[in-house]
Protein backbone atom coordinates (compact mmCIF):
# COMPACT_ATOMS: atom_id res chain seq x y z
CA MET A 1 107.45 -54.91 36.74
CA ALA A 2 108.18 -52.25 34.58
CA THR A 3 105.66 -51.12 31.55
CA VAL A 4 106.43 -50.34 28.64
CA ALA A 5 104.88 -47.64 26.96
CA LEU A 6 103.98 -49.12 23.46
CA ARG A 7 103.74 -46.27 20.49
CA ARG A 8 102.43 -46.09 16.95
CA PRO A 9 105.25 -46.51 13.91
CA ALA A 10 106.35 -43.04 12.36
CA ALA A 11 105.08 -44.35 9.09
CA LEU A 12 101.83 -45.61 10.74
CA GLU A 13 101.43 -42.09 11.97
CA ARG A 14 102.26 -40.76 8.67
CA SER A 15 99.43 -43.32 6.87
CA ILE A 16 96.71 -42.05 9.07
CA ALA A 17 97.43 -38.39 8.73
CA GLY A 18 97.88 -38.93 5.34
CA VAL A 19 94.17 -40.55 5.30
CA ARG A 20 92.42 -37.72 7.51
CA LEU A 21 94.24 -35.05 5.10
CA LEU A 22 92.48 -37.09 1.83
CA GLU A 23 89.28 -37.33 3.96
CA PHE A 24 89.36 -33.69 4.76
CA ALA A 25 90.28 -32.45 0.73
CA GLY A 26 86.97 -35.04 -0.13
CA LEU A 27 84.87 -33.37 2.01
CA ALA A 28 86.11 -29.81 0.90
CA ALA A 29 85.63 -30.61 -2.56
CA LEU A 30 82.10 -31.84 -2.10
CA VAL A 31 81.57 -28.43 -0.18
CA ALA A 32 82.77 -26.03 -3.10
CA LEU A 33 80.97 -28.20 -5.45
CA SER A 34 77.71 -27.50 -3.20
CA LEU A 35 79.01 -23.74 -3.25
CA VAL A 36 79.06 -23.67 -6.68
CA LEU A 37 75.24 -24.94 -7.43
CA ARG A 38 74.17 -23.57 -4.04
CA THR A 39 75.13 -19.94 -4.62
CA THR A 40 73.27 -18.70 -7.89
CA ALA A 41 70.25 -17.77 -6.29
CA LEU A 42 71.26 -15.88 -3.43
CA HIS A 43 69.89 -12.54 -4.47
CA VAL A 44 66.72 -13.74 -5.84
CA HIS A 45 63.74 -11.52 -4.22
CA PHE A 46 61.38 -12.69 -1.53
CA TRP A 47 57.99 -14.84 -2.15
CA ILE A 48 55.24 -14.73 0.53
CA ASP A 49 56.88 -17.38 2.75
CA GLU A 50 60.15 -15.93 2.89
CA GLY A 51 58.38 -12.66 3.78
CA LEU A 52 57.24 -14.35 6.98
CA SER A 53 59.99 -15.77 7.87
CA VAL A 54 61.45 -12.25 8.00
CA GLY A 55 58.86 -10.18 9.30
CA ILE A 56 58.36 -13.10 12.55
CA GLY A 57 62.12 -13.29 12.83
CA LYS A 58 62.49 -9.59 13.37
CA HIS A 59 60.28 -9.56 16.30
CA ALA A 60 61.90 -9.66 20.06
CA LEU A 61 63.10 -12.61 20.57
CA THR A 62 60.85 -13.38 23.76
CA GLU A 63 58.03 -12.15 21.55
CA ILE A 64 58.11 -14.95 18.44
CA PRO A 65 56.59 -17.81 20.43
CA GLY A 66 53.17 -15.84 20.92
CA VAL A 67 53.19 -14.37 17.58
CA LEU A 68 53.61 -18.09 15.85
CA ARG A 69 50.32 -18.74 17.62
CA GLN A 70 48.78 -16.78 14.71
CA ASP A 71 50.92 -18.78 12.30
CA GLY A 72 51.14 -22.16 13.06
CA SER A 73 54.49 -23.18 13.37
CA PRO A 74 57.27 -24.13 16.03
CA PRO A 75 59.62 -21.40 16.63
CA LEU A 76 63.32 -22.68 16.48
CA TYR A 77 63.93 -21.02 12.86
CA TYR A 78 62.73 -18.25 13.91
CA MET A 79 64.71 -17.63 16.70
CA LEU A 80 68.00 -18.97 15.03
CA LEU A 81 67.07 -16.36 11.97
CA HIS A 82 66.44 -13.73 14.68
CA VAL A 83 69.94 -13.71 15.67
CA TRP A 84 71.50 -14.27 12.54
CA MET A 85 69.44 -11.05 10.66
CA LYS A 86 70.65 -9.11 14.17
CA VAL A 87 74.21 -10.32 13.16
CA PHE A 88 74.19 -10.21 9.50
CA GLY A 89 71.54 -8.28 8.18
CA ASP A 90 67.91 -9.26 6.77
CA SER A 91 68.45 -8.77 2.90
CA GLU A 92 67.49 -11.57 0.42
CA ALA A 93 71.55 -12.89 0.34
CA GLN A 94 71.98 -12.01 4.08
CA THR A 95 69.06 -14.34 5.28
CA HIS A 96 69.34 -17.18 2.66
CA ILE A 97 72.99 -17.44 3.35
CA PHE A 98 71.68 -18.63 6.79
CA SER A 99 69.83 -21.23 4.55
CA LEU A 100 73.16 -22.19 2.77
CA VAL A 101 75.17 -22.68 5.92
CA ALA A 102 72.66 -25.37 7.05
CA ALA A 103 73.09 -27.20 3.68
CA VAL A 104 76.83 -27.03 3.79
CA LEU A 105 76.68 -28.32 7.19
CA THR A 106 74.61 -31.20 6.12
CA ILE A 107 77.43 -32.55 3.92
CA PRO A 108 80.12 -33.56 6.46
CA ALA A 109 76.87 -34.90 8.84
CA ALA A 110 75.97 -36.90 5.98
CA TRP A 111 79.57 -38.37 5.67
CA TRP A 112 79.77 -39.07 9.23
CA ALA A 113 76.12 -40.41 9.47
CA GLY A 114 76.59 -42.75 6.39
CA ARG A 115 80.63 -43.63 7.63
CA SER A 116 79.45 -44.42 11.01
CA LEU A 117 76.47 -46.65 10.22
CA PHE A 118 78.10 -48.58 7.32
CA ASP A 119 81.03 -48.12 5.89
CA LYS A 120 83.22 -45.23 4.47
CA ARG A 121 81.39 -46.29 0.92
CA VAL A 122 78.17 -45.33 2.00
CA GLY A 123 79.82 -42.30 3.77
CA TRP A 124 81.20 -40.56 0.46
CA ALA A 125 78.11 -41.84 -1.36
CA LEU A 126 75.84 -39.88 0.97
CA ALA A 127 77.77 -37.13 1.74
CA GLY A 128 77.93 -36.37 -2.26
CA LEU A 129 74.07 -37.11 -2.83
CA THR A 130 73.67 -34.40 -0.43
CA ALA A 131 76.13 -32.11 -1.92
CA ILE A 132 74.45 -32.09 -5.26
CA ASN A 133 70.62 -33.08 -4.37
CA PRO A 134 68.35 -30.43 -6.12
CA PHE A 135 65.75 -30.46 -3.39
CA LEU A 136 68.65 -29.14 -1.07
CA THR A 137 70.14 -26.82 -3.61
CA SER A 138 66.62 -24.83 -3.91
CA TYR A 139 66.31 -24.65 -0.29
CA ALA A 140 69.58 -23.75 0.41
CA GLN A 141 68.62 -20.38 -1.23
CA GLU A 142 65.47 -19.66 0.61
CA THR A 143 64.59 -18.21 3.93
CA ARG A 144 62.65 -20.79 4.88
CA MET A 145 63.64 -23.47 7.64
CA TYR A 146 64.05 -26.35 5.34
CA ALA A 147 67.32 -26.94 4.79
CA LEU A 148 67.77 -26.69 8.78
CA VAL A 149 65.37 -29.78 8.52
CA ILE A 150 67.58 -31.88 6.70
CA LEU A 151 70.82 -30.93 8.63
CA LEU A 152 68.84 -32.04 11.52
CA GLY A 153 67.13 -34.74 9.93
CA THR A 154 70.08 -36.10 8.74
CA LEU A 155 71.77 -36.10 12.40
CA CYS A 156 68.82 -37.34 13.93
CA THR A 157 68.47 -40.22 11.89
CA ALA A 158 72.06 -41.53 12.30
CA CYS A 159 71.62 -41.43 15.90
CA PHE A 160 68.49 -43.16 15.81
CA MET A 161 69.76 -45.84 13.62
CA HIS A 162 72.73 -45.83 16.16
CA ALA A 163 70.85 -46.12 19.21
CA TYR A 164 68.12 -48.38 18.26
CA VAL A 165 69.06 -50.40 15.13
CA PHE A 166 72.72 -51.05 16.38
CA GLY A 167 72.10 -50.72 20.34
CA ARG A 168 75.01 -47.90 20.93
CA LYS A 169 73.44 -46.66 23.72
CA ARG A 170 75.57 -43.46 23.97
CA TYR A 171 73.35 -42.14 20.91
CA ARG A 172 69.91 -42.08 22.84
CA ILE A 173 70.27 -38.53 24.54
CA PRO A 174 71.63 -36.84 21.37
CA PHE A 175 68.62 -38.62 19.69
CA GLY A 176 66.38 -37.24 22.04
CA LEU A 177 68.08 -34.13 21.80
CA LEU A 178 67.66 -33.72 17.97
CA LEU A 179 64.59 -35.17 17.77
CA ALA A 180 63.18 -32.42 20.14
CA ALA A 181 64.91 -29.99 18.13
CA LEU A 182 63.07 -31.03 14.80
CA LEU A 183 59.76 -30.86 16.61
CA TYR A 184 60.46 -27.41 17.14
CA THR A 185 61.78 -26.73 13.62
CA HIS A 186 58.71 -28.50 11.96
CA ASN A 187 55.44 -29.66 12.63
CA TRP A 188 55.91 -32.71 9.89
CA THR A 189 58.58 -34.13 12.35
CA PHE A 190 55.51 -35.97 13.96
CA PHE A 191 55.25 -38.20 10.29
CA TYR A 192 58.84 -38.75 11.08
CA GLY A 193 58.01 -39.76 14.55
CA LEU A 194 55.43 -42.92 13.11
CA ALA A 195 58.32 -44.22 11.48
CA LEU A 196 60.79 -44.47 14.38
CA VAL A 197 57.78 -45.82 16.05
CA GLY A 198 57.61 -48.17 13.20
CA VAL A 199 61.28 -49.20 13.28
CA VAL A 200 61.21 -49.32 17.27
CA ALA A 201 58.54 -51.67 16.93
CA ALA A 202 60.12 -53.98 14.57
CA VAL A 203 63.26 -54.09 16.96
CA TYR A 204 61.12 -54.87 19.54
CA ARG A 205 59.86 -57.90 17.69
CA VAL A 206 62.99 -59.79 17.45
CA THR A 207 65.00 -58.33 20.35
CA ASP A 208 66.18 -60.86 23.32
CA ASN A 209 66.00 -58.16 25.88
CA ARG A 210 62.79 -56.30 25.99
CA ARG A 211 62.73 -54.32 28.75
CA ALA A 212 66.33 -52.82 28.14
CA LEU A 213 64.82 -51.68 24.90
CA LEU A 214 62.08 -50.26 26.45
CA ARG A 215 64.38 -48.18 28.84
CA ASP A 216 66.43 -47.22 26.07
CA VAL A 217 63.36 -45.26 24.34
CA ALA A 218 62.06 -44.03 27.52
CA VAL A 219 65.71 -42.45 27.71
CA GLY A 220 65.66 -41.01 23.85
CA PHE A 221 62.34 -40.55 23.26
CA GLY A 222 61.44 -39.47 26.86
CA THR A 223 63.97 -36.83 26.34
CA ALA A 224 62.56 -35.26 23.55
CA ALA A 225 59.16 -35.54 25.15
CA LEU A 226 60.57 -33.16 27.99
CA LEU A 227 61.94 -30.56 26.05
CA TYR A 228 58.91 -30.22 23.62
CA LEU A 229 56.57 -30.14 26.65
CA PRO A 230 56.68 -26.49 27.16
CA TRP A 231 55.80 -26.12 23.40
CA VAL A 232 52.39 -28.43 23.58
CA PRO A 233 50.23 -26.11 24.79
CA THR A 234 50.74 -23.76 21.96
CA LEU A 235 50.59 -26.73 19.52
CA ILE A 236 46.95 -27.41 20.79
CA PHE A 237 46.02 -23.81 20.43
CA GLN A 238 47.49 -24.05 16.81
CA THR A 239 45.80 -27.43 15.76
CA MET A 240 42.26 -25.86 16.66
CA HIS A 241 42.91 -22.74 15.18
CA THR A 242 45.59 -22.56 12.41
CA GLY A 243 46.30 -25.59 10.74
CA ALA A 244 46.76 -25.17 6.68
CA PRO A 245 43.38 -23.25 5.73
CA TRP A 246 45.08 -22.95 2.26
CA ALA A 247 45.78 -26.85 1.60
CA THR A 248 43.17 -29.15 -0.34
CA PRO A 249 43.52 -33.04 0.05
CA PRO A 250 46.26 -34.40 -1.78
CA SER A 251 45.36 -36.86 -5.06
CA LEU A 252 46.96 -40.34 -5.06
CA SER A 253 49.23 -38.96 -8.10
CA THR A 254 50.65 -36.11 -6.07
CA LEU A 255 51.52 -39.35 -3.55
CA ILE A 256 53.13 -41.33 -6.51
CA LYS A 257 55.29 -38.48 -7.71
CA SER A 258 56.38 -36.78 -4.46
CA PRO A 259 59.44 -39.02 -4.65
CA ASN A 260 60.43 -37.00 -7.96
CA LEU A 261 60.37 -33.52 -6.14
CA LEU A 262 62.70 -34.94 -3.57
CA LEU A 263 64.91 -36.86 -6.06
CA GLY A 264 65.28 -34.52 -9.36
CA GLY A 265 62.37 -35.89 -11.14
CA GLN A 266 61.08 -38.93 -12.28
CA SER A 267 64.68 -40.30 -13.70
CA GLY A 268 66.04 -39.24 -9.99
CA THR A 269 63.67 -41.52 -8.29
CA PHE A 270 63.62 -44.52 -10.89
CA VAL A 271 67.77 -44.37 -10.00
CA VAL A 272 67.04 -44.83 -6.18
CA ILE A 273 64.21 -47.42 -6.50
CA LEU A 274 66.58 -49.48 -8.63
CA ALA A 275 69.26 -49.00 -6.62
CA ALA A 276 67.68 -49.33 -3.02
CA THR A 277 65.99 -52.43 -4.68
CA GLY A 278 69.14 -54.11 -5.34
CA GLY A 279 71.11 -52.91 -2.16
CA LEU A 280 68.44 -54.34 0.28
CA ALA A 281 67.94 -57.35 -1.54
CA ALA A 282 71.81 -57.61 -0.65
CA LEU A 283 71.58 -56.43 2.86
CA ALA A 284 69.13 -58.84 3.67
CA THR A 285 71.17 -62.07 2.86
CA ARG A 286 73.82 -60.77 5.05
CA SER A 287 71.75 -62.15 8.40
CA VAL A 288 68.30 -62.53 9.76
CA ARG A 289 69.00 -59.50 11.93
CA ASP A 290 69.60 -57.51 9.11
CA ARG A 291 66.60 -59.29 7.08
CA ALA A 292 64.43 -58.60 10.17
CA VAL A 293 65.40 -55.07 11.10
CA LEU A 294 67.75 -53.17 8.93
CA VAL A 295 65.99 -53.59 5.79
CA PRO A 296 62.61 -52.62 7.52
CA ALA A 297 64.50 -49.80 8.91
CA LEU A 298 65.44 -48.36 5.97
CA ALA A 299 62.67 -48.86 3.98
CA THR A 300 60.26 -47.37 6.80
CA LEU A 301 62.25 -44.42 7.81
CA ALA A 302 62.27 -43.71 3.95
CA THR A 303 58.76 -44.08 2.86
CA VAL A 304 56.24 -43.39 5.99
CA PRO A 305 56.86 -40.02 6.38
CA ILE A 306 55.83 -39.07 2.68
CA ALA A 307 52.77 -41.66 3.12
CA SER A 308 51.36 -40.71 6.78
CA ALA A 309 51.47 -37.17 5.59
CA TRP A 310 49.38 -38.18 2.57
CA VAL A 311 46.71 -39.87 4.69
CA LEU A 312 46.34 -37.94 7.14
CA SER A 313 45.76 -34.89 4.56
CA GLN A 314 43.32 -36.62 3.22
CA ALA A 315 41.05 -36.08 6.28
CA SER A 316 42.96 -32.49 7.46
CA PRO A 317 44.56 -31.18 4.43
CA ALA A 318 48.03 -30.04 5.17
CA TRP A 319 50.15 -30.93 2.41
CA ALA A 320 53.23 -29.07 0.71
CA THR A 321 55.77 -29.91 -1.44
CA ARG A 322 58.20 -27.99 0.68
CA TYR A 323 57.19 -30.02 3.91
CA LEU A 324 58.72 -33.16 2.32
CA ALA A 325 62.19 -31.82 3.23
CA ILE A 326 61.50 -34.19 6.86
CA ALA A 327 61.93 -37.37 4.27
CA LEU A 328 64.86 -36.27 2.45
CA PRO A 329 67.49 -37.59 5.11
CA PRO A 330 66.24 -40.96 5.55
CA LEU A 331 65.69 -41.33 1.76
CA LEU A 332 69.05 -39.95 0.89
CA LEU A 333 70.57 -42.38 3.30
CA LEU A 334 68.61 -45.59 2.09
CA ALA A 335 69.88 -44.34 -1.75
CA ALA A 336 73.18 -44.17 -0.23
CA VAL A 337 73.12 -47.33 0.99
CA GLY A 338 71.61 -49.14 -1.98
CA LEU A 339 74.12 -47.53 -4.86
CA THR A 340 76.94 -48.86 -2.62
CA ARG A 341 75.41 -52.54 -2.30
CA SER A 342 74.22 -52.79 -5.63
CA GLY A 343 77.87 -53.61 -7.37
CA LYS A 344 77.85 -52.51 -10.98
CA ILE A 345 74.03 -51.46 -11.53
CA GLY A 346 74.81 -48.88 -8.31
CA VAL A 347 77.98 -47.61 -9.83
CA GLY A 348 75.70 -46.89 -13.28
CA ALA A 349 73.27 -45.52 -11.34
CA LEU A 350 75.16 -43.06 -9.35
CA ILE A 351 76.57 -42.01 -12.45
CA LEU A 352 73.54 -41.19 -13.82
CA LEU A 353 71.97 -39.80 -10.88
CA THR A 354 74.90 -37.42 -10.58
CA ALA A 355 74.46 -36.79 -14.41
CA SER A 356 71.12 -35.70 -13.41
CA TRP A 357 71.50 -33.87 -10.50
CA ILE A 358 74.86 -31.81 -11.14
CA TYR A 359 72.84 -28.77 -13.25
CA ALA A 360 70.13 -28.66 -11.08
CA THR A 361 69.39 -24.84 -10.08
CA ALA A 362 67.37 -23.03 -7.81
CA PRO A 363 64.36 -20.98 -8.91
CA GLN A 364 65.53 -17.62 -10.24
CA SER A 365 62.28 -15.96 -9.97
CA LYS A 366 59.82 -16.87 -6.75
CA SER A 367 57.34 -13.90 -6.95
CA ASN A 368 57.09 -10.41 -8.27
CA ALA A 369 55.85 -8.82 -5.16
CA HIS A 370 59.39 -7.03 -5.55
CA PHE A 371 58.72 -5.64 -8.78
CA VAL A 372 55.02 -4.65 -8.02
CA SER A 373 55.67 -2.93 -4.77
CA GLU A 374 59.37 -1.25 -6.66
CA SER A 375 57.46 -0.05 -9.07
CA MET A 376 54.71 1.49 -7.15
CA ALA A 377 56.18 2.74 -4.24
CA PRO A 378 57.62 6.04 -5.70
CA HIS A 379 53.56 7.14 -6.20
CA LEU A 380 52.97 6.46 -2.62
CA ARG A 381 53.04 8.62 0.50
CA ALA A 382 53.20 8.69 4.09
CA GLY A 383 49.57 7.33 5.19
CA ASP A 384 48.75 6.10 1.72
CA LEU A 385 47.02 2.59 1.64
CA VAL A 386 47.92 -0.66 0.65
CA VAL A 387 45.31 -3.16 0.34
CA SER A 388 46.10 -6.87 0.01
CA THR A 389 42.99 -9.34 -0.04
CA GLN A 390 45.91 -11.92 0.29
CA PRO A 391 46.60 -11.11 3.76
CA GLU A 392 49.81 -13.41 3.52
CA GLN A 393 50.99 -11.22 0.99
CA ILE A 394 51.41 -8.24 3.58
CA PRO A 395 54.80 -9.33 5.06
CA VAL A 396 56.81 -9.26 1.91
CA LEU A 397 54.67 -6.27 0.64
CA SER A 398 55.46 -4.59 3.74
CA TYR A 399 59.54 -5.69 3.50
CA TYR A 400 59.88 -3.43 0.03
CA MET A 401 57.71 -0.77 0.65
CA SER A 402 57.61 2.16 3.35
CA PRO A 403 56.62 1.36 6.87
CA LYS A 404 55.07 4.52 6.90
CA LEU A 405 52.10 3.33 4.45
CA THR A 406 48.89 2.09 6.10
CA TYR A 407 48.70 -1.89 4.90
CA VAL A 408 44.89 -3.47 5.18
CA SER A 409 44.02 -6.70 4.47
CA PRO A 410 40.21 -8.15 4.28
CA PHE A 411 40.45 -8.27 8.24
CA GLY A 412 41.05 -4.60 8.67
CA VAL A 413 44.36 -2.48 9.02
CA GLN A 414 47.45 -4.67 10.18
CA HIS A 415 49.22 -3.04 12.76
CA ASP A 416 51.78 -5.91 12.58
CA THR A 417 52.96 -6.36 9.13
CA GLY A 418 55.62 -9.04 10.14
CA VAL A 419 52.93 -12.04 10.56
CA ALA A 420 49.72 -13.10 8.53
CA ASP A 421 46.68 -14.42 11.25
CA TRP A 422 45.59 -17.75 10.20
CA ARG A 423 43.60 -18.22 13.10
CA ASP A 424 39.96 -19.39 12.26
CA GLY A 425 40.98 -18.18 8.51
CA ALA A 426 37.79 -19.08 6.60
CA ALA A 427 35.29 -18.19 9.66
CA HIS A 428 37.13 -14.67 9.73
CA PHE A 429 36.81 -14.32 6.15
CA ASP A 430 33.28 -14.82 6.57
CA ARG A 431 32.43 -12.53 9.48
CA THR A 432 33.74 -9.70 7.34
CA GLY A 433 33.07 -8.16 4.19
CA VAL A 434 33.09 -5.12 1.73
CA ASP A 435 30.52 -3.21 4.07
CA THR A 436 32.36 -3.55 7.20
CA GLN A 437 36.25 -2.89 5.48
CA LEU A 438 36.23 -1.67 2.07
CA LEU A 439 33.79 0.78 1.87
CA PRO A 440 34.29 2.59 5.25
CA LEU A 441 38.05 2.44 4.12
CA ILE A 442 37.09 4.46 1.13
CA ALA A 443 34.77 6.97 2.73
CA ARG A 444 37.70 7.72 5.28
CA MET A 445 40.64 8.66 2.33
CA LYS A 446 40.93 12.44 1.36
CA PRO A 447 41.15 13.98 -1.46
CA GLY A 448 44.73 13.09 -3.17
CA GLN A 449 45.36 9.96 -1.00
CA ARG A 450 45.94 6.95 -2.72
CA LEU A 451 45.33 3.10 -2.33
CA LEU A 452 47.42 0.33 -3.91
CA PHE A 453 45.24 -2.48 -4.36
CA VAL A 454 47.34 -5.63 -4.57
CA LYS A 455 45.71 -8.46 -5.80
CA PRO A 456 46.58 -12.26 -6.96
CA ILE A 457 46.93 -13.63 -10.27
CA ALA A 458 44.99 -17.18 -10.44
CA PHE A 459 46.26 -18.50 -13.38
CA LYS A 460 45.48 -22.26 -12.28
CA PRO A 461 42.23 -22.09 -10.71
CA GLU A 462 42.59 -25.57 -9.12
CA ARG A 463 45.29 -23.98 -6.68
CA TRP A 464 42.66 -21.89 -5.29
CA ARG A 465 40.35 -24.17 -4.14
CA GLY A 466 40.92 -24.62 -0.35
CA PRO A 467 38.61 -23.12 2.35
CA TRP A 468 40.97 -19.92 2.33
CA THR A 469 42.28 -19.68 -0.84
CA SER A 470 38.93 -19.46 -2.55
CA ARG A 471 38.11 -16.98 -0.14
CA VAL A 472 40.75 -14.94 -1.25
CA ILE A 473 39.95 -15.10 -5.00
CA ALA A 474 36.15 -14.37 -3.85
CA ARG A 475 37.08 -11.29 -1.80
CA THR A 476 39.75 -10.05 -4.65
CA MET A 477 36.44 -10.15 -7.44
CA GLU A 478 34.60 -7.89 -4.90
CA TYR A 479 36.93 -5.41 -3.51
CA GLU A 480 38.11 -4.92 -7.73
CA GLY A 481 35.02 -4.73 -9.08
CA ILE A 482 33.98 -1.94 -5.61
CA LEU A 483 37.14 0.04 -6.76
CA ARG A 484 36.87 0.04 -10.29
CA ALA A 485 32.98 1.24 -9.97
CA ASP A 486 33.60 3.72 -7.28
CA SER A 487 33.47 7.54 -8.59
CA ARG A 488 35.28 8.61 -6.10
CA LEU A 489 38.44 6.88 -7.27
CA SER A 490 40.25 7.22 -10.51
CA LEU A 491 42.66 4.82 -11.38
CA ALA A 492 45.96 5.78 -12.00
CA ALA A 493 48.42 2.92 -12.89
CA ILE A 494 48.27 -0.60 -13.09
CA VAL A 495 51.55 -2.82 -13.02
CA PRO A 496 52.44 -5.36 -14.87
CA GLN A 497 49.60 -4.57 -17.55
CA HIS A 498 50.06 -7.86 -19.16
CA PHE A 499 50.84 -11.44 -17.93
CA ARG A 500 52.69 -13.11 -21.12
CA LEU A 501 55.13 -15.68 -18.98
CA PRO A 502 53.63 -15.32 -15.27
CA GLY A 503 55.84 -16.54 -12.73
CA PRO A 504 54.91 -18.12 -9.58
CA ASN A 505 52.55 -16.40 -7.21
CA PRO A 506 51.79 -13.26 -9.47
CA LEU A 507 50.38 -10.41 -7.94
CA GLN A 508 49.08 -7.16 -9.79
CA GLY A 509 49.04 -3.44 -8.35
CA LEU A 510 46.06 -1.24 -9.37
CA LEU A 511 46.89 2.54 -8.34
CA PHE A 512 44.08 4.40 -6.95
CA ILE A 513 43.66 8.14 -6.16
CA ARG A 514 40.74 9.62 -4.34
CA ARG A 515 39.08 12.61 -6.70
CA HIS A 516 36.80 14.20 -4.45
CA ASN A 517 34.94 14.19 -0.95
CA GLY A 518 31.81 12.92 -3.03
């Protein structure tokens, strides 16, 4: 019996090709819009954390994991940045573009996530929100890992939902690989992991085949665990010795306002809450499973990472606004589903959200470290001293000034200027002092030798109450008092002299010259 191969009609082929072309054009338009919004601050000078990124990334690839025992972070971003800088360079714009690439890739990733999980409307809504989200706009132009976290988080959330909410087994291993990549990118992935476990528990309560679910969990989560296992000894060491000694317990108002930071302010939060409430209510009416699993899953993924981080930070402070990047992908997914399931309210909310976000820009100033460095560098010669009472400033100062200078922190001469040593930070401060560090340094200075003292300006004292930061300020006052009072030193210049409009992370440089042997 002969078989006949059936072919699609030519008109259908053209129709499919036309749809694909329109989809490609739509994604290209969103990417173009994103590039317009996210290329206004590519040349903005580095601040503390970016100096650390470049400093760590400049180490040999095989050295980076060991260097991070001092820093407290996982290695994936820094290793990727190392490769990027080898190819493209290490200037502000060149390294910012690495984050920009991650942000741009998140747009088609979001489109796929929304479309494959739900439908085309959710896909386009999620891609559109991703293209203009102010939080991502800011971190798409910063030499830090947060844009990469959002890209990986978008893909990981989608694969998790496919594998464990919708029961599509082929997504288990991709989920495990992406979860491992997230763990190797930022430690707040553990808070995201708590949300994943909560969703799995909800599925477990309603599933008819719990044994199969547990096997699926073993495959996906087991893949991530096996890949992450080699890093666990370093993680344990970091947990015991680094942490976030600069942090203080976040207030309740910080928790309440945290969605504003991700959603472009209070108006954005209000719009998303309104749309999400309506959208989830609509989903809950579709089926018992949607009401018991899908709705709680979306809500859990969007809220638990933030809430659990806040709770743990009460006992072991580790809260920072930028770390909320891990919560943005599920929060945007919740918003996209809500906006597309809320009827006319959702359309109106989407218009309001777009109008609110489209004008958001990245910071045009992050620190005056470049200004202080450029102003003082012409007055310094090889062997002169740069003393910073804030050790984490040394990587960015050394980036902008000569490597032939001698860089000194309260812990002594910094032979590796690319990394800050956070290990047992408060105790390290307490083991050192002006008599063991600063006074011997001044005594060894030769006539004519120069010392640039770089100090942080604490315009907001409430931000300097952590175990580390409070000691930085105390040591700064001690150092400045001794330097100004020492008859062997002459104060030659102060930059800047006044702070009329202090920018973020302000520094001041005081240049001293050794006058005589005394």
